C-alpha atoms as a PDB file:
ATOM      1  CA  MET A   1     116.300 106.260 166.616  1.00  0.00           C
ATOM      2  CA  GLU A   2     119.160 108.238 167.350  1.00  0.00           C
ATOM      3  CA  PHE A   3     122.098 106.834 169.255  1.00  0.00           C
ATOM      4  CA  PRO A   4     124.369 109.415 171.091  1.00  0.00           C
ATOM      5  CA  VAL A   5     127.880 108.968 169.828  1.00  0.00           C
ATOM      6  CA  THR A   6     130.912 109.805 172.124  1.00  0.00           C
ATOM      7  CA  LYS A   7     134.518 110.562 171.594  1.00  0.00           C
ATOM      8  CA  GLU A   8     135.404 107.187 172.932  1.00  0.00           C
ATOM      9  CA  VAL A   9     132.935 105.459 170.702  1.00  0.00           C
ATOM     10  CA  LEU A  10     134.405 107.134 167.642  1.00  0.00           C
ATOM     11  CA  VAL A  11     138.073 106.288 168.676  1.00  0.00           C
ATOM     12  CA  ASN A  12     136.882 102.635 169.260  1.00  0.00           C
ATOM     13  CA  ALA A  13     135.257 102.548 165.942  1.00  0.00           C
ATOM     14  CA  LYS A  14     138.284 103.529 164.069  1.00  0.00           C
ATOM     15  CA  ALA A  15     140.331 100.717 165.681  1.00  0.00           C
ATOM     16  CA  GLU A  16     137.629  98.144 164.750  1.00  0.00           C
ATOM     17  CA  ILE A  17     137.373  99.440 161.337  1.00  0.00           C
ATOM     18  CA  LEU A  18     141.071  98.999 160.953  1.00  0.00           C
ATOM     19  CA  LYS A  19     140.936  95.497 162.151  1.00  0.00           C
ATOM     20  CA  LEU A  20     138.032  94.586 159.797  1.00  0.00           C
ATOM     21  CA  ALA A  21     140.194  96.061 157.081  1.00  0.00           C
ATOM     22  CA  ARG A  22     143.147  94.059 157.888  1.00  0.00           C
ATOM     23  CA  SER A  23     141.253  90.868 157.935  1.00  0.00           C
ATOM     24  CA  GLY A  24     140.158  91.583 154.402  1.00  0.00           C
ATOM     25  CA  ASP A  25     143.849  92.218 153.368  1.00  0.00           C
ATOM     26  CA  VAL A  26     143.560  95.955 153.100  1.00  0.00           C
ATOM     27  CA  GLN A  27     146.724  97.383 153.651  1.00  0.00           C
ATOM     28  CA  PHE A  28     145.768 101.183 154.074  1.00  0.00           C
ATOM     29  CA  VAL A  29     142.625 103.014 155.187  1.00  0.00           C
ATOM     30  CA  SER A  30     142.991 106.721 154.807  1.00  0.00           C
ATOM     31  CA  GLY A  31     141.010 109.136 157.150  1.00  0.00           C
ATOM     32  CA  LEU A  32     138.165 110.038 154.643  1.00  0.00           C
ATOM     33  CA  ASN A  33     137.439 106.327 154.104  1.00  0.00           C
ATOM     34  CA  SER A  34     137.294 105.579 157.730  1.00  0.00           C
ATOM     35  CA  ASN A  35     134.818 108.383 158.093  1.00  0.00           C
ATOM     36  CA  GLU A  36     132.663 106.973 155.225  1.00  0.00           C
ATOM     37  CA  ILE A  37     132.977 103.667 156.455  1.00  0.00           C
ATOM     38  CA  ARG A  38     131.737 104.799 159.967  1.00  0.00           C
ATOM     39  CA  TYR A  39     128.632 106.337 158.341  1.00  0.00           C
ATOM     40  CA  ILE A  40     127.829 103.430 156.355  1.00  0.00           C
ATOM     41  CA  LEU A  41     128.026 101.179 159.356  1.00  0.00           C
ATOM     42  CA  GLN A  42     125.959 103.556 161.523  1.00  0.00           C
ATOM     43  CA  ASN A  43     123.190 103.691 158.729  1.00  0.00           C
ATOM     44  CA  TYR A  44     123.362  99.691 158.477  1.00  0.00           C
ATOM     45  CA  PHE A  45     123.056  99.149 162.598  1.00  0.00           C
ATOM     46  CA  ASP A  46     120.333 101.933 162.604  1.00  0.00           C
ATOM     47  CA  GLU A  47     118.196  99.988 160.168  1.00  0.00           C
ATOM     48  CA  VAL A  48     118.948  96.546 161.713  1.00  0.00           C
ATOM     49  CA  ILE A  49     117.922  97.812 165.009  1.00  0.00           C
ATOM     50  CA  SER A  50     114.793  99.622 163.755  1.00  0.00           C
ATOM     51  CA  VAL A  51     113.696  96.280 162.360  1.00  0.00           C
ATOM     52  CA  ALA A  52     114.381  94.370 165.303  1.00  0.00           C
ATOM     53  CA  LEU A  53     112.658  96.912 167.492  1.00  0.00           C
ATOM     54  CA  ILE A  54     109.376  96.081 165.554  1.00  0.00           C
ATOM     55  CA  TYR A  55     109.591  92.638 166.280  1.00  0.00           C
ATOM     56  CA  ALA A  56     110.420  93.362 169.913  1.00  0.00           C
ATOM     57  CA  GLU A  57     107.163  95.668 170.077  1.00  0.00           C
ATOM     58  CA  LYS A  58     104.832  93.003 168.179  1.00  0.00           C
ATOM     59  CA  GLY A  59     106.134  90.473 170.958  1.00  0.00           C
ATOM     60  CA  ARG A  60     105.480  93.109 173.744  1.00  0.00           C
ATOM     61  CA  ARG A  61     108.788  92.958 175.075  1.00  0.00           C
ATOM     62  CA  MET A  62     110.842  95.811 176.519  1.00  0.00           C
ATOM     63  CA  SER A  63     114.219  94.524 175.342  1.00  0.00           C
ATOM     64  CA  LEU A  64     115.604  93.069 172.258  1.00  0.00           C
ATOM     65  CA  THR A  65     116.553  89.361 171.937  1.00  0.00           C
ATOM     66  CA  VAL A  66     118.887  87.683 169.705  1.00  0.00           C
ATOM     67  CA  LYS A  67     115.955  86.242 167.741  1.00  0.00           C
ATOM     68  CA  ASP A  68     114.778  89.863 167.069  1.00  0.00           C
ATOM     69  CA  ILE A  69     118.071  90.684 165.713  1.00  0.00           C
ATOM     70  CA  VAL A  70     118.426  87.428 163.833  1.00  0.00           C
ATOM     71  CA  TYR A  71     114.699  87.887 162.297  1.00  0.00           C
ATOM     72  CA  GLY A  72     115.518  91.510 161.462  1.00  0.00           C
ATOM     73  CA  LEU A  73     118.718  90.620 159.216  1.00  0.00           C
ATOM     74  CA  LYS A  74     116.785  87.911 157.809  1.00  0.00           C
ATOM     75  CA  ARG A  75     114.157  90.437 156.666  1.00  0.00           C
ATOM     76  CA  LEU A  76     116.909  92.645 155.208  1.00  0.00           C
ATOM     77  CA  SER A  77     118.347  89.767 153.228  1.00  0.00           C
ATOM     78  CA  HIS A  78     121.381  89.087 155.468  1.00  0.00           C
ATOM     79  CA  GLU A  79     120.500  85.513 156.845  1.00  0.00           C
ATOM     80  CA  ILE A  80     122.708  84.092 159.802  1.00  0.00           C
ATOM     81  CA  TYR A  81     122.934  80.489 159.453  1.00  0.00           C
ATOM     82  CA  ASP A  82     122.416  78.172 162.529  1.00  0.00           C
ATOM     83  CA  TYR A  83     119.926  80.372 164.182  1.00  0.00           C
END
């Protein structure tokens, strides 16, 4: 599934990437790394959402629920605790 990417999303994504980097004590993120990180995150989110869609389709629902996302993450070996 392809998601439309607008300029506003890319600008906000750069700010969010910098916030994540700062929380991990990274001092500098170059423009090239920012684009690579954005590509990796987009692929990761696409994979999680596609697995979550399988759970929603199996449950005959038209929208995703939190449990669909949690089960999708668990299937991809990224378990969230307390769910």
